[in-house]
Amino acid sequence: MRPNFSEGTKQGIYASQNGFCAVPGCLEKIVDIHHRLANTKVHQKLYPLFLQSPFNGVGISRGCHQGPEKEQFKITEQQARMYEEYLQKIKDGIIK
């Protein structure tokens, strides 16, 4: 089983979006937390700090998660690498 967002991370994303889907025009409540960068084994090894962080999650409705709407939230591996480096600096105490 692949790791997923912690309950605390899910609750933080939910609260930051006031419980509503992030897709413009959708007025439905959040049902799923979508990974902006796919939760694959390769990405888990390359971006262990970023992949399950709030930076990689967006709350969306079930319909939007199953449809093409989720594609607008994708990020590149270059962006993921920048987040990973930033999170590593925080972890190492370089950034407080």
Protein backbone atom coordinates (compact mmCIF):
# COMPACT_ATOMS: atom_id res chain seq x y z
CA MET A 1 0.00 0.00 0.00
CA ARG A 2 1.33 3.43 -0.95
CA PRO A 3 1.66 6.10 1.75
CA ASN A 4 -0.90 8.85 1.61
CA PHE A 5 -1.62 12.21 3.19
CA SER A 6 -1.84 12.17 6.98
CA GLU A 7 -5.15 13.07 8.61
CA GLY A 8 -3.56 16.32 9.82
CA THR A 9 -2.49 17.24 6.30
CA LYS A 10 -5.95 16.40 4.94
CA GLN A 11 -7.60 18.52 7.63
CA GLY A 12 -5.24 21.42 6.90
CA ILE A 13 -6.01 21.33 3.18
CA TYR A 14 -9.73 21.06 3.93
CA ALA A 15 -9.58 24.07 6.28
CA SER A 16 -7.48 26.16 3.88
CA GLN A 17 -10.16 25.70 1.20
CA ASN A 18 -13.07 26.16 3.61
CA GLY A 19 -14.19 22.64 2.77
CA PHE A 20 -14.97 23.37 -0.87
CA CYS A 21 -13.57 21.94 -4.10
CA ALA A 22 -10.68 23.95 -5.57
CA VAL A 23 -11.96 23.63 -9.15
CA PRO A 24 -13.27 27.02 -10.31
CA GLY A 25 -17.05 26.93 -10.64
CA CYS A 26 -17.49 23.76 -8.59
CA LEU A 27 -19.56 24.39 -5.46
CA GLU A 28 -19.31 20.88 -4.06
CA LYS A 29 -17.59 19.90 -0.83
CA ILE A 30 -14.14 18.30 -0.76
CA VAL A 31 -14.30 14.52 -0.87
CA ASP A 32 -10.79 13.68 -2.10
CA ILE A 33 -7.32 15.12 -1.71
CA HIS A 34 -5.64 14.99 -5.11
CA HIS A 35 -1.86 14.63 -5.47
CA ARG A 36 -0.61 17.42 -7.72
CA LEU A 37 2.40 15.23 -8.54
CA ALA A 38 1.38 11.58 -8.85
CA ASN A 39 1.94 9.32 -5.83
CA THR A 40 4.15 6.79 -7.61
CA LYS A 41 6.99 4.65 -6.25
CA VAL A 42 9.50 6.63 -8.30
CA HIS A 43 8.21 9.94 -6.94
CA GLN A 44 8.18 8.53 -3.40
CA LYS A 45 11.94 7.92 -3.70
CA LEU A 46 12.74 11.22 -5.41
CA TYR A 47 10.50 13.50 -3.32
CA PRO A 48 9.91 11.83 0.07
CA LEU A 49 9.27 15.06 1.97
CA PHE A 50 7.17 16.76 -0.68
CA LEU A 51 4.94 13.96 -1.93
CA GLN A 52 2.67 13.70 1.14
CA SER A 53 3.02 17.36 2.17
CA PRO A 54 0.26 19.99 1.95
CA PHE A 55 2.16 21.56 -0.96
CA ASN A 56 1.29 18.52 -3.08
CA GLY A 57 -2.37 18.26 -2.17
CA VAL A 58 -5.51 19.97 -3.36
CA GLY A 59 -9.02 19.25 -2.12
CA ILE A 60 -11.54 18.44 -4.81
CA SER A 61 -14.99 16.90 -5.16
CA ARG A 62 -15.41 13.30 -6.25
CA GLY A 63 -16.73 14.32 -9.67
CA CYS A 64 -13.78 16.65 -10.29
CA HIS A 65 -11.33 13.99 -9.10
CA GLN A 66 -12.73 11.49 -11.57
CA GLY A 67 -12.85 13.98 -14.46
CA PRO A 68 -10.32 16.04 -16.40
CA GLU A 69 -10.66 19.02 -14.03
CA LYS A 70 -7.89 17.70 -11.77
CA GLU A 71 -5.32 18.12 -14.54
CA GLN A 72 -5.17 21.90 -13.95
CA PHE A 73 -3.45 21.29 -10.61
CA LYS A 74 -0.55 19.19 -11.91
CA ILE A 75 2.96 20.40 -11.27
CA THR A 76 6.22 19.56 -12.96
CA GLU A 77 9.03 17.49 -11.52
CA GLN A 78 11.16 20.63 -11.54
CA GLN A 79 8.62 22.33 -9.25
CA ALA A 80 8.49 19.23 -7.04
CA ARG A 81 12.29 19.25 -6.79
CA MET A 82 12.22 22.89 -5.62
CA TYR A 83 9.64 22.04 -2.93
CA GLU A 84 11.70 19.01 -1.88
CA GLU A 85 14.85 21.10 -1.52
CA TYR A 86 12.95 23.72 0.51
CA LEU A 87 11.44 21.10 2.82
CA GLN A 88 14.86 19.48 3.28
CA LYS A 89 16.32 22.85 4.35
CA ILE A 90 13.52 23.20 6.91
CA LYS A 91 14.15 19.66 8.16
CA ASP A 92 17.89 20.34 8.43
CA GLY A 93 17.26 23.57 10.37
CA ILE A 94 18.75 25.79 7.66
CA ILE A 95 15.39 27.56 7.30
CA LYS A 96 13.32 28.21 10.38
